Protein backbone atom coordinates (compact mmCIF):
# COMPACT_ATOMS: atom_id res chain seq x y z
CA ALA A 1 163.45 102.83 -2.51
CA PHE A 2 163.59 106.60 -3.07
CA ILE A 3 163.04 106.24 -6.82
CA ALA A 4 160.24 103.74 -6.26
CA GLU A 5 158.51 106.13 -3.83
CA CYS A 6 158.82 109.08 -6.23
CA LEU A 7 157.36 107.14 -9.14
CA GLU A 8 154.58 105.65 -7.04
CA ARG A 9 153.51 108.87 -5.29
CA TYR A 10 153.84 111.33 -8.15
CA ASP A 11 152.71 111.45 -11.76
CA ALA A 12 156.23 111.93 -13.12
CA ASP A 13 157.14 112.33 -16.76
CA GLY A 14 160.58 110.92 -16.06
CA ILE A 15 163.57 110.73 -13.80
CA GLU A 16 167.23 111.66 -14.22
CA LEU A 17 170.04 109.60 -12.75
CA ASP A 18 172.92 111.98 -12.05
CA PHE A 19 176.15 110.01 -12.35
CA THR A 20 178.31 113.15 -12.58
CA ARG A 21 178.21 114.62 -9.09
CA PHE A 22 180.03 112.59 -8.00
CA GLN A 23 181.21 109.71 -10.13
CA TRP A 24 183.22 107.40 -7.86
CA TYR A 25 181.07 104.36 -7.18
CA PHE A 26 183.62 101.56 -6.88
CA ARG A 27 187.08 101.07 -5.45
CA PRO A 28 189.91 102.16 -7.76
CA GLY A 29 190.85 99.32 -10.07
CA GLU A 30 187.56 97.47 -9.59
CA GLU A 31 185.29 99.68 -11.68
CA ARG A 32 184.93 97.58 -14.82
CA LYS A 33 184.59 94.38 -12.80
CA ASN A 34 181.67 95.90 -10.91
CA ALA A 35 179.93 97.42 -13.92
CA PRO A 36 177.22 94.70 -13.92
CA LEU A 37 176.13 95.89 -10.44
CA MET A 38 175.35 99.36 -11.73
CA THR A 39 173.68 97.93 -14.83
CA ALA A 40 171.43 95.85 -12.57
CA PHE A 41 170.50 99.02 -10.68
CA VAL A 42 169.60 100.88 -13.88
CA ARG A 43 167.63 97.88 -15.11
CA GLU A 44 165.57 97.99 -11.90
CA VAL A 45 164.93 101.71 -12.39
CA ARG A 46 163.72 100.90 -15.91
CA ARG A 47 161.32 98.31 -14.46
CA LEU A 48 159.96 100.87 -12.01
CA ALA A 49 159.56 103.48 -14.75
CA ASP A 50 157.74 101.03 -17.01
CA ALA A 51 155.41 100.09 -14.15
CA ALA A 52 154.68 103.77 -13.55
CA ALA A 53 154.01 104.25 -17.27
CA ALA A 54 151.52 101.39 -17.27
CA ARG A 55 149.78 102.89 -14.26
CA THR A 56 149.65 106.49 -15.50
CA GLY A 57 149.02 105.78 -19.16
CA HIS A 58 151.97 107.83 -20.47
CA PRO A 59 155.69 107.17 -20.99
CA VAL A 60 158.03 107.66 -18.04
CA ARG A 61 161.46 108.45 -19.44
CA ILE A 62 164.87 107.87 -17.89
CA ALA A 63 167.81 110.20 -18.46
CA GLY A 64 171.38 109.70 -17.37
CA ARG A 65 173.74 112.56 -16.65
CA PHE A 66 177.32 111.67 -17.56
CA LEU A 67 180.77 113.09 -18.08
CA ALA A 68 181.69 114.12 -21.61
CA ASP A 69 183.04 110.85 -23.03
CA PRO A 70 181.42 107.38 -22.89
CA ASP A 71 184.89 105.83 -22.53
CA THR A 72 185.36 107.77 -19.29
CA GLU A 73 182.06 106.41 -18.00
CA ALA A 74 183.06 102.86 -18.91
CA ALA A 75 186.30 103.29 -16.96
CA LEU A 76 184.19 104.35 -13.96
CA GLY A 77 182.10 101.19 -14.18
CA LEU A 78 179.13 102.83 -15.89
CA ASP A 79 178.25 100.98 -19.09
CA ALA A 80 176.11 103.78 -20.46
CA GLY A 81 176.44 102.56 -24.04
CA LEU A 82 174.95 99.20 -23.09
CA TRP A 83 172.14 100.92 -21.19
CA GLY A 84 171.23 102.82 -24.32
CA ARG A 85 171.43 99.81 -26.62
CA GLU A 86 169.20 97.78 -24.29
CA GLY A 87 166.66 100.60 -23.94
CA LEU A 88 167.33 101.07 -20.22
CA ILE A 89 167.73 104.82 -20.66
CA ASP A 90 166.06 107.22 -23.08
CA TYR A 91 168.34 110.26 -22.89
CA VAL A 92 172.06 110.88 -22.48
CA ASP A 93 172.94 114.15 -20.80
CA ALA A 94 176.73 114.45 -21.27
CA GLY A 95 179.10 117.27 -20.48
CA CYS A 96 181.58 118.85 -18.13
CA HIS A 97 182.03 117.98 -14.48
CA PHE A 98 181.83 121.53 -13.16
CA SER A 99 184.67 123.96 -13.65
CA THR A 100 184.39 124.86 -17.34
CA ILE A 101 182.29 124.25 -20.45
CA ASP A 102 183.48 121.50 -22.77
CA MET A 103 183.51 122.67 -26.39
CA ARG A 104 184.13 119.16 -27.76
CA ILE A 105 181.53 116.84 -26.24
CA PRO A 106 181.54 113.85 -28.64
CA VAL A 107 177.88 113.72 -29.61
CA ALA A 108 178.43 111.27 -32.49
CA LYS A 109 180.44 108.97 -30.23
CA TRP A 110 177.60 108.85 -27.73
CA LYS A 111 175.09 108.05 -30.46
CA ALA A 112 177.30 105.26 -31.77
CA ALA A 113 177.90 103.83 -28.28
CA THR A 114 174.16 103.72 -27.55
CA GLY A 115 173.27 102.25 -30.92
CA GLY A 116 171.36 105.36 -31.95
CA ARG A 117 168.54 104.46 -29.57
CA VAL A 118 168.73 107.47 -27.26
CA LYS A 119 168.55 111.23 -27.63
CA VAL A 120 171.80 113.00 -26.77
CA PHE A 121 171.63 116.32 -24.93
CA PRO A 122 175.06 117.85 -24.24
CA HIS A 123 175.08 120.00 -21.13
CA ALA A 124 176.93 123.08 -19.98
CA ASP A 125 177.51 124.24 -16.46
CA CYS A 126 177.31 127.97 -15.85
CA GLY A 127 181.00 128.92 -15.96
CA ILE A 128 184.35 128.87 -17.68
CA SER A 129 187.83 128.62 -16.18
CA GLN A 130 189.74 131.87 -16.49
CA GLU A 131 192.74 132.81 -14.40
CA GLY A 132 192.25 136.00 -12.44
CA ALA A 133 188.45 135.92 -12.69
CA VAL A 134 186.06 135.34 -9.80
CA GLY A 135 182.60 133.95 -10.45
CA TRP A 136 180.01 132.20 -8.34
CA GLU A 137 182.17 133.11 -5.35
CA MET A 138 185.07 131.08 -6.73
CA PRO A 139 188.48 132.31 -7.93
CA GLY A 140 189.70 131.20 -11.35
CA ARG A 141 186.19 130.77 -12.75
CA ARG A 142 183.60 133.19 -14.07
CA LEU A 143 180.05 132.93 -15.31
CA LEU A 144 179.43 132.40 -19.01
CA THR A 145 178.25 135.26 -21.19
CA ARG A 146 175.23 134.94 -23.46
CA GLU A 147 177.58 134.96 -26.46
CA GLU A 148 179.56 132.02 -25.02
CA TYR A 149 176.38 130.04 -24.37
CA LEU A 150 175.35 130.61 -27.99
CA GLY A 151 178.76 129.63 -29.39
CA TRP A 152 178.85 126.44 -27.32
CA ALA A 153 175.27 125.55 -28.34
CA ASP A 154 176.11 126.19 -32.00
CA VAL A 155 178.96 123.66 -31.83
CA MET A 156 176.80 121.07 -30.09
CA LEU A 157 173.84 121.40 -32.45
CA ALA A 158 176.11 121.27 -35.49
CA ALA A 159 177.53 118.03 -34.08
CA GLY A 160 174.05 116.48 -34.12
CA ALA A 161 172.80 117.12 -30.58
CA ASP A 162 169.08 116.48 -30.08
CA GLY A 163 168.81 119.30 -27.58
CA ILE A 164 170.73 121.32 -25.00
CA GLY A 165 171.12 120.85 -21.25
CA LEU A 166 171.89 123.63 -18.76
CA TYR A 167 172.95 123.40 -15.13
CA ASN A 168 173.27 125.72 -12.15
CA LEU A 169 171.21 128.61 -13.47
CA PHE A 170 170.59 129.82 -9.97
CA GLY A 171 168.32 132.75 -9.34
CA PHE A 172 170.81 135.19 -7.86
CA SER A 173 169.18 138.51 -8.63
CA HIS A 174 172.49 140.29 -9.23
CA LYS A 175 173.75 137.60 -11.60
CA SER A 176 170.69 136.34 -13.41
CA GLU A 177 170.47 138.60 -16.47
CA VAL A 178 172.32 136.20 -18.77
CA TRP A 179 170.47 133.19 -17.39
CA ASN A 180 167.08 134.83 -17.75
CA GLU A 181 167.80 135.71 -21.37
CA THR A 182 169.16 132.24 -22.08
CA VAL A 183 166.15 130.45 -20.63
CA THR A 184 163.69 132.88 -22.22
CA ARG A 185 165.17 133.02 -25.72
CA GLY A 186 166.71 129.54 -25.92
CA PHE A 187 168.89 128.20 -28.71
CA GLU A 188 166.87 128.13 -31.92
CA ARG A 189 169.18 127.70 -34.89
CA GLU A 190 167.91 130.84 -36.62
CA LEU A 191 168.47 132.85 -33.44
CA ILE A 192 172.04 131.58 -33.16
CA ALA A 193 172.71 132.34 -36.82
CA ARG A 194 171.87 136.02 -36.47
CA SER A 195 173.28 136.57 -32.95
CA PRO A 196 176.79 137.48 -31.80
CA ARG A 197 178.43 134.35 -30.44
CA ALA A 198 181.79 133.43 -28.92
CA TYR A 199 183.80 130.21 -29.17
CA PRO A 200 186.26 130.25 -26.27
CA VAL A 201 189.30 128.10 -25.71
CA SER A 202 188.39 125.70 -22.92
CA HIS A 203 189.33 122.19 -21.81
CA ARG A 204 187.97 118.86 -20.60
CA ASP A 205 187.73 119.11 -16.84
CA ALA A 206 187.39 115.42 -15.95
CA VAL A 207 188.99 112.21 -17.17
CA TYR A 208 189.32 108.85 -15.41
CA PRO A 209 191.58 107.44 -14.18
CA ASP A 210 193.14 110.76 -13.20
CA ASP A 211 196.32 109.87 -15.07
CA ALA A 212 194.46 108.90 -18.27
CA PRO A 213 195.40 110.95 -21.34
CA ASN A 214 193.24 114.05 -21.61
CA PRO A 215 192.45 114.74 -25.28
CA TYR A 216 191.69 118.39 -24.47
CA PRO A 217 193.90 119.46 -21.56
CA ARG A 218 193.98 122.92 -20.07
CA ILE A 219 196.24 125.19 -22.16
CA LEU A 220 195.43 128.61 -20.70
CA PRO A 221 196.88 130.68 -19.15
CA VAL A 222 200.01 130.76 -21.29
CA GLY A 223 202.94 133.12 -21.48
CA LEU A 224 204.03 134.52 -24.84
CA ASP A 225 207.75 134.18 -24.36
CA ARG A 226 207.41 132.03 -27.48
CA PRO A 227 204.70 131.71 -30.18
CA PHE A 228 201.52 129.94 -29.14
CA SER A 229 198.99 128.05 -31.22
CA CYS A 230 195.74 126.23 -30.50
CA SER A 231 192.38 125.54 -32.12
CA VAL A 232 188.75 126.20 -31.33
CA PRO A 233 185.68 124.52 -32.84
CA VAL A 234 182.97 126.50 -34.60
CA GLY A 235 179.56 125.06 -35.42
CA THR A 236 178.37 127.23 -38.30
CA VAL A 237 179.81 130.23 -40.12
CA PRO A 238 177.46 132.99 -41.32
CA ALA A 239 177.36 133.69 -45.04
CA ALA A 240 177.88 137.36 -44.26
CA GLY A 241 178.91 139.21 -41.15
CA ALA A 242 182.04 139.77 -39.10
CA ALA A 243 184.64 137.73 -37.23
CA GLU A 244 187.30 138.55 -34.69
CA ALA A 245 189.81 136.82 -32.46
CA VAL A 246 189.57 138.15 -28.92
CA ILE A 247 192.42 137.86 -26.44
CA GLY A 248 192.30 138.70 -22.75
CA PHE A 249 195.69 139.39 -21.21
CA GLU A 250 196.81 139.20 -17.62
CA LYS A 251 197.89 142.86 -17.75
CA GLU A 252 198.47 145.65 -20.23
CA VAL A 253 200.58 144.69 -23.25
CA ARG A 254 202.55 147.47 -24.87
CA ARG A 255 203.47 145.58 -28.03
CA LEU A 256 200.63 143.40 -29.26
CA PRO A 257 201.48 140.05 -30.86
CA GLU A 258 200.64 139.07 -34.41
CA VAL A 259 197.54 136.89 -34.63
CA ARG A 260 196.52 134.51 -37.41
CA VAL A 261 193.41 132.37 -37.89
CA ASN A 262 193.81 129.34 -40.15
CA GLY A 263 196.97 130.96 -41.48
CA THR A 264 195.31 134.27 -42.38
CA ALA A 265 196.72 137.39 -40.76
CA CYS A 266 194.34 139.38 -38.57
CA ALA A 267 194.10 143.15 -38.34
CA GLU A 268 195.90 145.03 -35.58
CA GLY A 269 194.21 144.67 -32.22
CA ARG A 270 191.69 147.20 -30.92
CA PRO A 271 190.17 147.56 -27.43
CA ALA A 272 187.66 144.86 -26.49
CA GLU A 273 185.53 143.83 -23.54
CA VAL A 274 186.17 140.46 -21.90
CA ALA A 275 184.51 139.64 -18.58
CA GLY A 276 187.13 139.29 -15.89
CA CYS A 277 189.97 140.84 -17.95
CA ALA A 278 191.36 144.30 -17.34
CA PHE A 279 193.12 144.37 -20.72
CA ALA A 280 191.72 142.75 -23.87
CA ARG A 281 192.09 143.25 -27.57
CA ALA A 282 190.06 142.14 -30.62
CA PHE A 283 191.78 141.27 -33.89
CA ASP A 284 189.49 141.43 -36.92
CA VAL A 285 189.51 138.24 -38.99
CA PRO A 286 188.37 137.97 -42.62
CA LEU A 287 185.15 135.97 -42.40
CA SER A 288 186.34 133.87 -45.33
CA ALA A 289 189.18 132.57 -43.12
CA VAL A 290 186.80 131.01 -40.58
CA ARG A 291 185.39 127.54 -41.20
CA ALA A 292 182.95 125.16 -39.61
CA GLY A 293 184.87 122.69 -37.47
CA GLU A 294 188.29 123.28 -35.96
CA ASN A 295 189.96 126.64 -36.49
CA GLY A 296 193.65 127.10 -35.84
CA ILE A 297 194.73 130.25 -34.01
CA SER A 298 198.37 131.26 -33.79
CA VAL A 299 199.70 134.08 -31.63
CA GLY A 300 203.19 135.47 -31.99
CA ALA A 301 205.62 135.98 -29.17
CA ALA A 302 205.34 139.10 -27.00
CA ASP A 303 207.71 139.63 -24.11
CA GLY A 304 205.97 139.81 -20.76
CA ALA A 305 202.51 139.01 -22.17
CA LYS A 306 200.30 136.28 -20.74
CA ILE A 307 197.02 135.10 -22.30
CA VAL A 308 194.24 134.23 -19.87
CA TYR A 309 191.36 134.15 -22.39
CA LEU A 310 191.10 133.46 -26.12
CA ALA A 311 188.05 133.10 -28.33
CA LEU A 312 186.68 133.52 -31.81
CA ARG A 313 183.65 135.77 -32.05
CA LEU A 314 181.21 135.72 -34.97
CA LYS A 315 178.26 137.89 -35.84
CA GLY A 316 175.89 137.23 -38.71
CA LYS A 317 174.62 140.08 -40.83
CA GLU A 318 171.23 141.43 -39.79
CA ARG A 319 168.28 140.56 -42.02
CA ASN A 320 166.52 143.33 -43.93
CA ASP A 321 163.59 143.16 -41.53
CA GLY A 322 165.96 143.76 -38.62
CA ARG A 323 165.36 140.39 -37.01
């Protein structure tokens, strides 16, 4: 009734069905059995949108906001792939639940599941999990930097995303500088190519059922009582510029560990700035060692050290005109 009233009273261009906050619609164990009920609901929304389009003379689109993986949605009783293949929705808005950005939203998997009939817009919430940080009045989470937004967007666009979705860009005057710049300047590919960008280690913050295997579990923080290795995805690598691996530690580290990227040794660490970290170091990486796609990072053992943040940072070389 609410959707019908909105579409009847207002000249809307579309409507988004938010299935992410929150996603439990059926009793545990009965989700797949009840999937046809939710499909019937979405089919009725499509009918209402089509009626509104006929009345207003312009298309009325339907978007669905989902968790990162279509298999997770299917397990929750949401047959989003079918909705796309049948033309019940026009856009997929897929991403994290809340706590941290997801660097590996499977754009191609969503396009395959929906038969290529919908546009896929990965979304990012406004923060990243980081032990010891406090952001948006919440411990263990801080707000994303502009560089992290750009790195995430670079990965998504390189994966074939049709656009970018952003959530929770609230207008807190003391916190809005990054958001204002992000909304104003956007994510044009040329802008990303020439801008400093960061590709942080993150994780998938929601799977279902809760005991289902998580392909990208949380791996930070981690102590360096033994060597540690992980990987981070990169969308595009500049033809010229600079690269560095940046590590935020829980506290000061007297003896820095050895760091390698894709097997190539990095230079000795130098002081760096990482939001929410009192002690951070940047390790210069030969740009030739970085590649589009997954990049392996290995960190040697260091007694008493604990990593709370890890990222690759890239910066393309400025053009001759300074742009």
